[in-house]
Amino acid sequence: TAAASHIAALTGLMLNFDKALRPKEIQQLLMETADDMDDPATAQVDEGFDSKTGSGFVNAERVFERLSSRPRSGV
């Protein structure tokens, strides 16, 4: 999907911002800052991770807000 190339590009930008980021930290940041999506195929409102929509839409602005608020070690 097109999402893979977007995530790859964002990951590159994240590593350019902080070269010390570890893969698990990148994954956690992407998941925690994503905009939640509801799966319209379910009756209830889905919140958080689900198998249909994952963690939701990636939110690059929120990722960099979070990164900017922490000390950078890999500059």
N, C-alpha and C. Protein backbone atom coordinates (compact mmCIF):
# COMPACT_ATOMS: atom_id res chain seq x y z
N THR A 1 0.84 -1.19 0.00
CA THR A 1 0.00 0.00 0.00
C THR A 1 0.87 1.24 0.00
N ALA A 2 0.24 2.36 -0.23
CA ALA A 2 0.95 3.64 -0.19
C ALA A 2 1.40 3.98 1.21
N ALA A 3 0.74 3.44 2.21
CA ALA A 3 1.10 3.74 3.59
C ALA A 3 2.53 3.34 3.91
N ALA A 4 3.00 2.25 3.33
CA ALA A 4 4.36 1.78 3.63
C ALA A 4 5.41 2.80 3.23
N SER A 5 5.25 3.41 2.07
CA SER A 5 6.24 4.41 1.64
C SER A 5 6.15 5.68 2.50
N HIS A 6 4.96 6.03 2.95
CA HIS A 6 4.80 7.20 3.82
C HIS A 6 5.48 6.95 5.17
N ILE A 7 5.28 5.76 5.71
CA ILE A 7 5.90 5.43 6.99
C ILE A 7 7.42 5.38 6.85
N ALA A 8 7.90 4.83 5.75
CA ALA A 8 9.35 4.77 5.52
C ALA A 8 9.94 6.18 5.44
N ALA A 9 9.27 7.07 4.74
CA ALA A 9 9.75 8.45 4.63
C ALA A 9 9.72 9.15 5.98
N LEU A 10 8.65 8.97 6.73
CA LEU A 10 8.55 9.59 8.05
C LEU A 10 9.62 9.03 8.98
N THR A 11 9.86 7.74 8.90
CA THR A 11 10.91 7.14 9.73
C THR A 11 12.27 7.75 9.40
N GLY A 12 12.54 7.98 8.12
CA GLY A 12 13.79 8.63 7.73
C GLY A 12 13.90 10.03 8.31
N LEU A 13 12.81 10.78 8.28
CA LEU A 13 12.82 12.12 8.87
C LEU A 13 13.03 12.06 10.38
N MET A 14 12.41 11.08 11.02
CA MET A 14 12.58 10.91 12.47
C MET A 14 14.04 10.62 12.80
N LEU A 15 14.66 9.74 12.03
CA LEU A 15 16.06 9.40 12.28
C LEU A 15 16.98 10.57 11.96
N ASN A 16 16.61 11.39 11.00
CA ASN A 16 17.39 12.59 10.72
C ASN A 16 17.31 13.55 11.90
N PHE A 17 16.17 13.62 12.54
CA PHE A 17 15.96 14.49 13.69
C PHE A 17 16.72 13.97 14.91
N ASP A 18 16.68 12.66 15.13
CA ASP A 18 17.36 12.03 16.29
C ASP A 18 17.93 10.69 15.86
N LYS A 19 19.22 10.69 15.57
CA LYS A 19 19.89 9.49 15.05
C LYS A 19 19.96 8.36 16.07
N ALA A 20 19.69 8.63 17.33
CA ALA A 20 19.77 7.60 18.36
C ALA A 20 18.47 6.83 18.54
N LEU A 21 17.43 7.18 17.78
CA LEU A 21 16.16 6.47 17.91
C LEU A 21 16.33 4.99 17.56
N ARG A 22 15.78 4.14 18.38
CA ARG A 22 15.82 2.70 18.16
C ARG A 22 14.53 2.28 17.45
N PRO A 23 14.54 1.16 16.72
CA PRO A 23 13.33 0.73 16.01
C PRO A 23 12.08 0.63 16.90
N LYS A 24 12.23 0.12 18.10
CA LYS A 24 11.08 0.00 19.01
C LYS A 24 10.55 1.37 19.41
N GLU A 25 11.44 2.36 19.59
CA GLU A 25 11.01 3.71 19.93
C GLU A 25 10.24 4.33 18.77
N ILE A 26 10.72 4.10 17.55
CA ILE A 26 10.03 4.62 16.37
C ILE A 26 8.63 4.03 16.27
N GLN A 27 8.55 2.72 16.43
CA GLN A 27 7.25 2.05 16.38
C GLN A 27 6.31 2.60 17.45
N GLN A 28 6.81 2.75 18.65
CA GLN A 28 5.99 3.24 19.76
C GLN A 28 5.51 4.67 19.48
N LEU A 29 6.40 5.53 19.01
CA LEU A 29 6.02 6.91 18.69
C LEU A 29 4.94 6.95 17.61
N LEU A 30 5.12 6.16 16.57
CA LEU A 30 4.13 6.15 15.48
C LEU A 30 2.77 5.68 15.98
N MET A 31 2.77 4.65 16.81
CA MET A 31 1.50 4.11 17.30
C MET A 31 0.82 5.05 18.30
N GLU A 32 1.61 5.64 19.19
CA GLU A 32 1.03 6.50 20.23
C GLU A 32 0.51 7.83 19.70
N THR A 33 1.06 8.29 18.58
CA THR A 33 0.67 9.60 18.06
C THR A 33 -0.30 9.52 16.88
N ALA A 34 -0.68 8.31 16.48
CA ALA A 34 -1.60 8.14 15.36
C ALA A 34 -3.00 8.64 15.73
N ASP A 35 -3.72 9.11 14.71
CA ASP A 35 -5.12 9.51 14.88
C ASP A 35 -5.97 8.24 14.81
N ASP A 36 -6.69 7.97 15.87
CA ASP A 36 -7.50 6.76 15.97
C ASP A 36 -8.55 6.73 14.87
N MET A 37 -8.83 5.52 14.38
CA MET A 37 -9.85 5.32 13.35
C MET A 37 -10.89 4.32 13.87
N ASP A 38 -12.10 4.54 13.49
CA ASP A 38 -13.18 3.61 13.85
C ASP A 38 -13.40 2.66 12.68
N ASP A 39 -13.57 1.39 12.97
CA ASP A 39 -13.88 0.40 11.95
C ASP A 39 -15.39 0.44 11.71
N PRO A 40 -15.84 0.91 10.55
CA PRO A 40 -17.28 1.03 10.31
C PRO A 40 -18.00 -0.31 10.22
N ALA A 41 -17.25 -1.40 10.11
CA ALA A 41 -17.87 -2.71 10.01
C ALA A 41 -18.30 -3.26 11.38
N THR A 42 -17.92 -2.60 12.45
CA THR A 42 -18.31 -3.07 13.78
C THR A 42 -19.39 -2.15 14.35
N ALA A 43 -20.24 -2.72 15.18
CA ALA A 43 -21.36 -1.96 15.74
C ALA A 43 -20.89 -0.93 16.76
N GLN A 44 -19.88 -1.29 17.55
CA GLN A 44 -19.41 -0.38 18.59
C GLN A 44 -18.33 0.55 18.03
N VAL A 45 -18.06 1.62 18.76
CA VAL A 45 -16.98 2.53 18.38
C VAL A 45 -15.68 1.90 18.86
N ASP A 46 -14.75 1.72 17.93
CA ASP A 46 -13.45 1.14 18.26
C ASP A 46 -12.50 2.24 18.72
N GLU A 47 -11.85 2.01 19.83
CA GLU A 47 -10.83 2.94 20.30
C GLU A 47 -9.53 2.20 20.46
N GLY A 48 -8.44 2.84 20.05
CA GLY A 48 -7.14 2.21 20.16
C GLY A 48 -6.89 1.23 19.03
N PHE A 49 -5.91 0.39 19.21
CA PHE A 49 -5.51 -0.57 18.18
C PHE A 49 -6.60 -1.60 17.92
N ASP A 50 -6.84 -1.89 16.67
CA ASP A 50 -7.72 -3.01 16.31
C ASP A 50 -7.18 -3.64 15.03
N SER A 51 -7.60 -4.85 14.74
CA SER A 51 -7.03 -5.60 13.63
C SER A 51 -7.41 -5.03 12.26
N LYS A 52 -8.46 -4.27 12.18
CA LYS A 52 -8.91 -3.72 10.89
C LYS A 52 -8.20 -2.40 10.54
N THR A 53 -8.06 -1.52 11.53
CA THR A 53 -7.49 -0.19 11.26
C THR A 53 -6.15 0.04 11.94
N GLY A 54 -5.63 -0.95 12.62
CA GLY A 54 -4.33 -0.81 13.29
C GLY A 54 -4.39 0.27 14.35
N SER A 55 -3.37 1.11 14.38
CA SER A 55 -3.33 2.21 15.34
C SER A 55 -3.98 3.47 14.78
N GLY A 56 -4.32 3.46 13.51
CA GLY A 56 -4.99 4.60 12.90
C GLY A 56 -4.14 5.28 11.86
N PHE A 57 -4.46 6.56 11.59
CA PHE A 57 -3.72 7.37 10.61
C PHE A 57 -2.46 7.91 11.25
N VAL A 58 -1.34 7.79 10.55
CA VAL A 58 -0.10 8.36 11.05
C VAL A 58 -0.27 9.88 11.14
N ASN A 59 0.28 10.46 12.20
CA ASN A 59 0.18 11.90 12.40
C ASN A 59 1.60 12.45 12.59
N ALA A 60 2.23 12.84 11.48
CA ALA A 60 3.63 13.29 11.51
C ALA A 60 3.81 14.51 12.39
N GLU A 61 2.86 15.43 12.36
CA GLU A 61 2.99 16.63 13.19
C GLU A 61 3.08 16.25 14.67
N ARG A 62 2.22 15.34 15.10
CA ARG A 62 2.23 14.91 16.49
C ARG A 62 3.52 14.15 16.84
N VAL A 63 4.05 13.38 15.88
CA VAL A 63 5.32 12.68 16.10
C VAL A 63 6.41 13.69 16.43
N PHE A 64 6.52 14.75 15.62
CA PHE A 64 7.60 15.71 15.83
C PHE A 64 7.35 16.62 17.02
N GLU A 65 6.10 16.84 17.39
CA GLU A 65 5.84 17.54 18.66
C GLU A 65 6.39 16.73 19.81
N ARG A 66 6.16 15.43 19.76
CA ARG A 66 6.65 14.54 20.82
C ARG A 66 8.17 14.49 20.82
N LEU A 67 8.76 14.33 19.63
CA LEU A 67 10.22 14.27 19.54
C LEU A 67 10.87 15.58 20.01
N SER A 68 10.25 16.71 19.71
CA SER A 68 10.81 18.01 20.10
C SER A 68 10.78 18.23 21.60
N SER A 69 9.92 17.53 22.28
CA SER A 69 9.77 17.73 23.72
C SER A 69 10.71 16.86 24.54
N ARG A 70 11.51 16.02 23.88
CA ARG A 70 12.44 15.16 24.62
C ARG A 70 13.88 15.49 24.24
N PRO A 71 14.80 15.17 25.13
CA PRO A 71 16.21 15.46 24.82
C PRO A 71 16.70 14.65 23.63
N ARG A 72 17.47 15.27 22.76
CA ARG A 72 18.02 14.60 21.59
C ARG A 72 19.42 14.12 21.93
N SER A 73 19.64 12.82 21.72
CA SER A 73 20.94 12.27 22.08
C SER A 73 21.80 11.96 20.89
N GLY A 74 21.23 11.87 19.70
CA GLY A 74 22.00 11.45 18.53
C GLY A 74 22.30 12.57 17.57
N VAL A 75 22.42 13.77 18.06
CA VAL A 75 22.65 14.94 17.18
C VAL A 75 24.06 14.91 16.65
